Amino acid sequence: MEVGLILWTSKKQPCVALSTTESEYIAEVLAVQEAIWLSQLLSEIEGSVKFMKIPTAEMAADGLTTPLGRVMFKRWISQIGLSVYNMG
C-alpha cells in the first residue's frame, strides 16, 4: 500500500466541548478509534499498518484551518503545488 491519506471524515462531534483543547482531544480519540478499526480490518486481510506522526508544519490541510504568517503561507503554497507570482 502506498503512503497517503486512506481515511477522511467530517462530521459533528457526538458531544459538546467546553474548550478548543477538549474538542481536539475528542477528535483525537475518535481518530484513534478509527485507526484501531482500520488496523484490525487490514490485519484480517493480511495487510499491515504503520502509523506515523506528521508534524503540523507538514500538514497541507493546516493552511485551511489556521491563520498563517508570510513564511508559513509560502510553505503552504508549495505544499499544495502552487507557486507565488509576483507582479512587480
N, C-alpha and C. Protein backbone atom coordinates (compact mmCIF):
# COMPACT_ATOMS: atom_id res chain seq x y z
N MET A 1 0.86 -1.17 0.00
CA MET A 1 0.00 0.00 0.00
C MET A 1 0.90 1.24 0.00
N GLU A 2 0.58 2.20 -0.81
CA GLU A 2 1.35 3.43 -0.89
C GLU A 2 1.09 4.31 0.32
N VAL A 3 1.99 5.23 0.56
CA VAL A 3 1.84 6.17 1.67
C VAL A 3 0.87 7.26 1.23
N GLY A 4 -0.08 7.58 2.06
CA GLY A 4 -1.01 8.64 1.74
C GLY A 4 -2.26 8.54 2.59
N LEU A 5 -3.14 9.47 2.35
CA LEU A 5 -4.40 9.52 3.07
C LEU A 5 -5.23 8.30 2.73
N ILE A 6 -5.70 7.60 3.75
CA ILE A 6 -6.52 6.42 3.49
C ILE A 6 -7.90 6.53 4.11
N LEU A 7 -8.10 7.54 4.96
CA LEU A 7 -9.39 7.70 5.60
C LEU A 7 -9.60 9.17 5.92
N TRP A 8 -10.75 9.68 5.58
CA TRP A 8 -11.06 11.07 5.87
C TRP A 8 -12.54 11.16 6.17
N THR A 9 -12.89 11.97 7.17
CA THR A 9 -14.29 12.14 7.50
C THR A 9 -14.51 13.53 8.08
N SER A 10 -15.70 13.99 7.95
CA SER A 10 -16.06 15.28 8.52
C SER A 10 -17.48 15.15 9.06
N LYS A 11 -17.62 15.33 10.37
CA LYS A 11 -18.95 15.23 10.97
C LYS A 11 -18.95 15.97 12.30
N LYS A 12 -20.15 16.25 12.79
CA LYS A 12 -20.27 16.90 14.09
C LYS A 12 -19.83 15.93 15.18
N GLN A 13 -19.19 16.48 16.21
CA GLN A 13 -18.80 15.64 17.34
C GLN A 13 -20.06 15.20 18.08
N PRO A 14 -20.01 14.01 18.70
CA PRO A 14 -21.20 13.48 19.36
C PRO A 14 -21.54 14.18 20.67
N CYS A 15 -20.68 15.10 21.11
CA CYS A 15 -20.97 15.82 22.35
C CYS A 15 -20.46 17.25 22.23
N VAL A 16 -20.84 18.09 23.18
CA VAL A 16 -20.45 19.49 23.18
C VAL A 16 -19.18 19.65 24.01
N ALA A 17 -18.17 20.27 23.42
CA ALA A 17 -16.92 20.52 24.13
C ALA A 17 -16.95 21.93 24.73
N LEU A 18 -16.34 22.08 25.88
CA LEU A 18 -16.33 23.39 26.55
C LEU A 18 -15.10 24.22 26.20
N SER A 19 -14.15 23.63 25.48
CA SER A 19 -12.96 24.38 25.08
C SER A 19 -12.40 23.79 23.80
N THR A 20 -11.53 24.54 23.15
CA THR A 20 -10.87 24.05 21.94
C THR A 20 -10.01 22.84 22.26
N THR A 21 -9.33 22.87 23.39
CA THR A 21 -8.49 21.74 23.79
C THR A 21 -9.33 20.49 23.96
N GLU A 22 -10.46 20.61 24.63
CA GLU A 22 -11.34 19.45 24.82
C GLU A 22 -11.85 18.94 23.47
N SER A 23 -12.19 19.86 22.58
CA SER A 23 -12.67 19.48 21.25
C SER A 23 -11.61 18.71 20.48
N GLU A 24 -10.36 19.17 20.56
CA GLU A 24 -9.26 18.47 19.88
C GLU A 24 -9.02 17.10 20.50
N TYR A 25 -9.14 17.01 21.81
CA TYR A 25 -8.97 15.72 22.50
C TYR A 25 -10.03 14.73 22.04
N ILE A 26 -11.27 15.18 21.94
CA ILE A 26 -12.36 14.33 21.49
C ILE A 26 -12.09 13.85 20.06
N ALA A 27 -11.64 14.77 19.19
CA ALA A 27 -11.34 14.41 17.81
C ALA A 27 -10.21 13.38 17.74
N GLU A 28 -9.20 13.54 18.59
CA GLU A 28 -8.08 12.59 18.60
C GLU A 28 -8.55 11.20 19.04
N VAL A 29 -9.43 11.15 20.03
CA VAL A 29 -9.94 9.86 20.50
C VAL A 29 -10.72 9.17 19.37
N LEU A 30 -11.54 9.93 18.66
CA LEU A 30 -12.29 9.35 17.55
C LEU A 30 -11.36 8.88 16.44
N ALA A 31 -10.28 9.62 16.20
CA ALA A 31 -9.30 9.22 15.18
C ALA A 31 -8.60 7.93 15.57
N VAL A 32 -8.27 7.79 16.85
CA VAL A 32 -7.62 6.56 17.31
C VAL A 32 -8.58 5.38 17.18
N GLN A 33 -9.85 5.59 17.49
CA GLN A 33 -10.84 4.51 17.32
C GLN A 33 -10.88 4.05 15.86
N GLU A 34 -10.89 5.01 14.93
CA GLU A 34 -10.89 4.67 13.51
C GLU A 34 -9.61 3.94 13.12
N ALA A 35 -8.47 4.38 13.67
CA ALA A 35 -7.18 3.75 13.36
C ALA A 35 -7.15 2.30 13.84
N ILE A 36 -7.68 2.07 15.03
CA ILE A 36 -7.74 0.70 15.57
C ILE A 36 -8.62 -0.17 14.69
N TRP A 37 -9.77 0.35 14.29
CA TRP A 37 -10.67 -0.40 13.42
C TRP A 37 -9.99 -0.72 12.10
N LEU A 38 -9.32 0.27 11.51
CA LEU A 38 -8.66 0.06 10.23
C LEU A 38 -7.52 -0.94 10.36
N SER A 39 -6.78 -0.86 11.44
CA SER A 39 -5.68 -1.80 11.69
C SER A 39 -6.21 -3.23 11.79
N GLN A 40 -7.30 -3.41 12.51
CA GLN A 40 -7.89 -4.75 12.64
C GLN A 40 -8.41 -5.26 11.30
N LEU A 41 -9.01 -4.37 10.52
CA LEU A 41 -9.51 -4.76 9.21
C LEU A 41 -8.36 -5.21 8.31
N LEU A 42 -7.30 -4.43 8.26
CA LEU A 42 -6.17 -4.79 7.41
C LEU A 42 -5.46 -6.04 7.88
N SER A 43 -5.41 -6.26 9.18
CA SER A 43 -4.77 -7.48 9.68
C SER A 43 -5.61 -8.71 9.30
N GLU A 44 -6.92 -8.54 9.19
CA GLU A 44 -7.77 -9.65 8.78
C GLU A 44 -7.55 -10.02 7.32
N ILE A 45 -7.16 -9.04 6.51
CA ILE A 45 -6.90 -9.34 5.10
C ILE A 45 -5.39 -9.46 4.85
N GLU A 46 -4.66 -9.72 5.94
CA GLU A 46 -3.23 -9.98 5.91
C GLU A 46 -2.41 -8.80 5.41
N GLY A 47 -2.82 -7.61 5.74
CA GLY A 47 -2.02 -6.43 5.43
C GLY A 47 -1.36 -5.94 6.69
N SER A 48 -0.67 -4.85 6.61
CA SER A 48 -0.07 -4.27 7.80
C SER A 48 -0.26 -2.76 7.76
N VAL A 49 -0.25 -2.16 8.93
CA VAL A 49 -0.46 -0.73 9.04
C VAL A 49 0.70 -0.13 9.80
N LYS A 50 1.20 0.97 9.31
CA LYS A 50 2.25 1.70 10.01
C LYS A 50 1.72 3.10 10.28
N PHE A 51 1.64 3.46 11.54
CA PHE A 51 1.16 4.79 11.92
C PHE A 51 2.35 5.71 12.05
N MET A 52 2.24 6.89 11.48
CA MET A 52 3.32 7.87 11.54
C MET A 52 2.76 9.20 12.00
N LYS A 53 3.50 9.88 12.85
CA LYS A 53 3.11 11.23 13.26
C LYS A 53 3.62 12.19 12.21
N ILE A 54 2.74 13.03 11.72
CA ILE A 54 3.12 14.05 10.75
C ILE A 54 3.14 15.39 11.47
N PRO A 55 4.28 16.07 11.49
CA PRO A 55 4.36 17.37 12.16
C PRO A 55 3.37 18.36 11.54
N THR A 56 2.83 19.23 12.36
CA THR A 56 1.85 20.21 11.90
C THR A 56 2.36 21.00 10.70
N ALA A 57 3.64 21.36 10.72
CA ALA A 57 4.21 22.16 9.63
C ALA A 57 4.14 21.44 8.29
N GLU A 58 4.01 20.12 8.30
CA GLU A 58 3.96 19.34 7.06
C GLU A 58 2.54 18.99 6.63
N MET A 59 1.54 19.40 7.40
CA MET A 59 0.15 19.09 7.06
C MET A 59 -0.42 20.19 6.17
N ALA A 60 -0.67 19.84 4.91
CA ALA A 60 -1.18 20.83 3.97
C ALA A 60 -2.55 21.35 4.39
N ALA A 61 -3.37 20.54 5.05
CA ALA A 61 -4.70 20.97 5.47
C ALA A 61 -4.62 22.07 6.52
N ASP A 62 -3.49 22.20 7.20
CA ASP A 62 -3.34 23.22 8.23
C ASP A 62 -3.55 24.62 7.67
N GLY A 63 -3.19 24.82 6.41
CA GLY A 63 -3.38 26.13 5.77
C GLY A 63 -4.83 26.51 5.61
N LEU A 64 -5.72 25.56 5.69
CA LEU A 64 -7.15 25.83 5.57
C LEU A 64 -7.82 26.07 6.92
N THR A 65 -7.09 25.78 8.00
CA THR A 65 -7.71 25.87 9.32
C THR A 65 -7.03 26.83 10.27
N THR A 66 -5.86 27.34 9.89
CA THR A 66 -5.06 28.16 10.79
C THR A 66 -4.58 29.41 10.08
N PRO A 67 -4.65 30.58 10.73
CA PRO A 67 -4.06 31.77 10.12
C PRO A 67 -2.55 31.56 9.96
N LEU A 68 -2.03 31.89 8.79
CA LEU A 68 -0.62 31.66 8.52
C LEU A 68 0.12 32.98 8.31
N GLY A 69 1.34 33.05 8.87
CA GLY A 69 2.21 34.19 8.60
C GLY A 69 2.81 34.05 7.22
N ARG A 70 3.61 35.02 6.81
CA ARG A 70 4.17 35.04 5.47
C ARG A 70 5.00 33.78 5.16
N VAL A 71 5.89 33.41 6.06
CA VAL A 71 6.76 32.25 5.83
C VAL A 71 5.92 30.97 5.74
N MET A 72 5.01 30.77 6.69
CA MET A 72 4.18 29.56 6.69
C MET A 72 3.25 29.54 5.48
N PHE A 73 2.77 30.72 5.03
CA PHE A 73 1.91 30.79 3.86
C PHE A 73 2.67 30.34 2.62
N LYS A 74 3.91 30.80 2.48
CA LYS A 74 4.72 30.40 1.32
C LYS A 74 4.99 28.90 1.35
N ARG A 75 5.25 28.35 2.54
CA ARG A 75 5.46 26.91 2.67
C ARG A 75 4.18 26.15 2.29
N TRP A 76 3.04 26.66 2.73
CA TRP A 76 1.76 26.01 2.42
C TRP A 76 1.48 26.03 0.92
N ILE A 77 1.74 27.17 0.28
CA ILE A 77 1.54 27.28 -1.17
C ILE A 77 2.36 26.22 -1.89
N SER A 78 3.59 26.01 -1.44
CA SER A 78 4.46 24.99 -2.02
C SER A 78 3.91 23.59 -1.76
N GLN A 79 3.39 23.34 -0.55
CA GLN A 79 2.86 22.02 -0.20
C GLN A 79 1.70 21.61 -1.09
N ILE A 80 0.86 22.57 -1.46
CA ILE A 80 -0.31 22.23 -2.27
C ILE A 80 -0.04 22.33 -3.77
N GLY A 81 1.23 22.59 -4.12
CA GLY A 81 1.62 22.54 -5.52
C GLY A 81 1.40 23.81 -6.30
N LEU A 82 1.29 24.93 -5.63
CA LEU A 82 1.14 26.21 -6.30
C LEU A 82 2.44 26.99 -6.24
N SER A 83 2.51 28.06 -7.00
CA SER A 83 3.69 28.93 -6.90
C SER A 83 3.21 30.37 -6.77
N VAL A 84 4.05 31.20 -6.18
CA VAL A 84 3.71 32.60 -5.97
C VAL A 84 4.14 33.38 -7.21
N TYR A 85 3.23 34.17 -7.73
CA TYR A 85 3.53 35.01 -8.90
C TYR A 85 3.62 36.44 -8.44
N ASN A 86 4.78 37.05 -8.63
CA ASN A 86 4.96 38.45 -8.24
C ASN A 86 4.79 39.34 -9.45
N MET A 87 3.93 40.33 -9.31
CA MET A 87 3.68 41.28 -10.41
C MET A 87 4.41 42.58 -10.08
N GLY A 88 5.67 42.62 -10.26
CA GLY A 88 6.32 43.87 -9.92
C GLY A 88 7.74 43.87 -10.05
